């Protein structure tokens, strides 16, 4: 799909799977909407994305510290 990494033989990109995880925090609802998506597909998508991120901790206003990932 336009050179983007995809899940198995599905027409779902890794990016779309990550977006779905953010959209459907309830895994059961995600499974109902996308029954072809397996737990291993989600795990592999997360592994793939995490391999492209560099972690660093940044200071937010108010003294709050958070982990920020950036690749670039």
C-alpha atoms as a PDB file:
ATOM      1  CA  UNK A   1       0.000   0.000   0.000  1.00  0.00           C
ATOM      2  CA  UNK A   2       2.066   2.832  -1.364  1.00  0.00           C
ATOM      3  CA  UNK A   3       5.254   1.359   0.055  1.00  0.00           C
ATOM      4  CA  UNK A   4       4.002   1.365   3.648  1.00  0.00           C
ATOM      5  CA  UNK A   5       4.569  -1.744   5.786  1.00  0.00           C
ATOM      6  CA  UNK A   6       1.443  -3.890   5.989  1.00  0.00           C
ATOM      7  CA  UNK A   7       0.097  -6.585   8.274  1.00  0.00           C
ATOM      8  CA  UNK A   8       0.367 -10.058   6.722  1.00  0.00           C
ATOM      9  CA  UNK A   9      -1.817 -10.263   3.625  1.00  0.00           C
ATOM     10  CA  UNK A  10      -4.332  -7.788   4.997  1.00  0.00           C
ATOM     11  CA  UNK A  11      -4.935  -4.373   3.525  1.00  0.00           C
ATOM     12  CA  UNK A  12      -4.014  -2.805   6.854  1.00  0.00           C
ATOM     13  CA  UNK A  13      -0.862  -0.775   7.260  1.00  0.00           C
ATOM     14  CA  UNK A  14       1.172  -0.800  10.455  1.00  0.00           C
ATOM     15  CA  UNK A  15       0.243   2.853  10.870  1.00  0.00           C
ATOM     16  CA  UNK A  16      -3.476   2.007  10.655  1.00  0.00           C
ATOM     17  CA  UNK A  17      -3.111  -0.705  13.287  1.00  0.00           C
ATOM     18  CA  UNK A  18      -1.488   1.782  15.680  1.00  0.00           C
ATOM     19  CA  UNK A  19      -4.282   4.272  14.969  1.00  0.00           C
ATOM     20  CA  UNK A  20      -6.852   1.545  15.681  1.00  0.00           C
ATOM     21  CA  UNK A  21      -5.224   0.800  19.031  1.00  0.00           C
ATOM     22  CA  UNK A  22      -5.606   4.459  19.961  1.00  0.00           C
ATOM     23  CA  UNK A  23      -9.192   4.591  18.678  1.00  0.00           C
ATOM     24  CA  UNK A  24     -10.356   1.343  20.279  1.00  0.00           C
ATOM     25  CA  UNK A  25      -8.918   1.136  23.788  1.00  0.00           C
ATOM     26  CA  UNK A  26     -11.334  -1.759  24.359  1.00  0.00           C
ATOM     27  CA  UNK A  27      -9.704  -4.766  22.661  1.00  0.00           C
ATOM     28  CA  UNK A  28     -13.063  -6.569  22.386  1.00  0.00           C
ATOM     29  CA  UNK A  29     -14.553  -3.737  20.365  1.00  0.00           C
ATOM     30  CA  UNK A  30     -11.471  -3.714  18.141  1.00  0.00           C
ATOM     31  CA  UNK A  31     -11.852  -7.456  17.556  1.00  0.00           C
ATOM     32  CA  UNK A  32     -15.524  -7.015  16.643  1.00  0.00           C
ATOM     33  CA  UNK A  33     -14.731  -4.306  14.088  1.00  0.00           C
ATOM     34  CA  UNK A  34     -11.643  -6.050  12.679  1.00  0.00           C
ATOM     35  CA  UNK A  35     -12.019  -9.809  13.290  1.00  0.00           C
ATOM     36  CA  UNK A  36      -9.195 -10.588  10.851  1.00  0.00           C
ATOM     37  CA  UNK A  37      -6.692  -8.734  13.063  1.00  0.00           C
ATOM     38  CA  UNK A  38      -4.940 -11.147  15.414  1.00  0.00           C
ATOM     39  CA  UNK A  39      -3.062 -10.486  18.650  1.00  0.00           C
ATOM     40  CA  UNK A  40       0.207 -11.384  16.928  1.00  0.00           C
ATOM     41  CA  UNK A  41      -0.510  -8.776  14.212  1.00  0.00           C
ATOM     42  CA  UNK A  42      -0.867  -6.099  16.876  1.00  0.00           C
ATOM     43  CA  UNK A  43       2.260  -7.265  18.684  1.00  0.00           C
ATOM     44  CA  UNK A  44       4.308  -7.213  15.483  1.00  0.00           C
ATOM     45  CA  UNK A  45       3.021  -3.737  14.582  1.00  0.00           C
ATOM     46  CA  UNK A  46       4.083  -2.429  17.998  1.00  0.00           C
ATOM     47  CA  UNK A  47       7.507  -4.039  17.684  1.00  0.00           C
ATOM     48  CA  UNK A  48       7.973  -2.574  14.204  1.00  0.00           C
ATOM     49  CA  UNK A  49       7.008   0.946  15.281  1.00  0.00           C
ATOM     50  CA  UNK A  50       9.083   0.852  18.450  1.00  0.00           C
ATOM     51  CA  UNK A  51      12.183  -0.030  16.443  1.00  0.00           C
ATOM     52  CA  UNK A  52      11.933   3.383  14.745  1.00  0.00           C
ATOM     53  CA  UNK A  53      11.646   5.450  17.903  1.00  0.00           C
ATOM     54  CA  UNK A  54      14.327   7.005  20.061  1.00  0.00           C
ATOM     55  CA  UNK A  55      13.391   7.666  23.676  1.00  0.00           C
ATOM     56  CA  UNK A  56      14.249  10.745  25.642  1.00  0.00           C
ATOM     57  CA  UNK A  57      12.761  12.374  28.712  1.00  0.00           C
ATOM     58  CA  UNK A  58      11.595  15.970  28.425  1.00  0.00           C
ATOM     59  CA  UNK A  59      10.533  18.446  31.077  1.00  0.00           C
ATOM     60  CA  UNK A  60       6.989  19.798  30.660  1.00  0.00           C
ATOM     61  CA  UNK A  61       5.656  23.037  32.142  1.00  0.00           C
ATOM     62  CA  UNK A  62       4.893  22.600  35.813  1.00  0.00           C
ATOM     63  CA  UNK A  63       7.862  20.312  36.411  1.00  0.00           C
ATOM     64  CA  UNK A  64       6.183  17.233  34.944  1.00  0.00           C
ATOM     65  CA  UNK A  65       8.564  14.792  33.285  1.00  0.00           C
ATOM     66  CA  UNK A  66       7.454  12.548  30.448  1.00  0.00           C
ATOM     67  CA  UNK A  67       9.021  10.186  28.000  1.00  0.00           C
ATOM     68  CA  UNK A  68       8.992  11.500  24.456  1.00  0.00           C
ATOM     69  CA  UNK A  69       9.787   9.406  21.427  1.00  0.00           C
ATOM     70  CA  UNK A  70      11.042  10.941  18.229  1.00  0.00           C
ATOM     71  CA  UNK A  71      12.586   9.569  15.080  1.00  0.00           C
ATOM     72  CA  UNK A  72      14.134  11.998  12.701  1.00  0.00           C
END
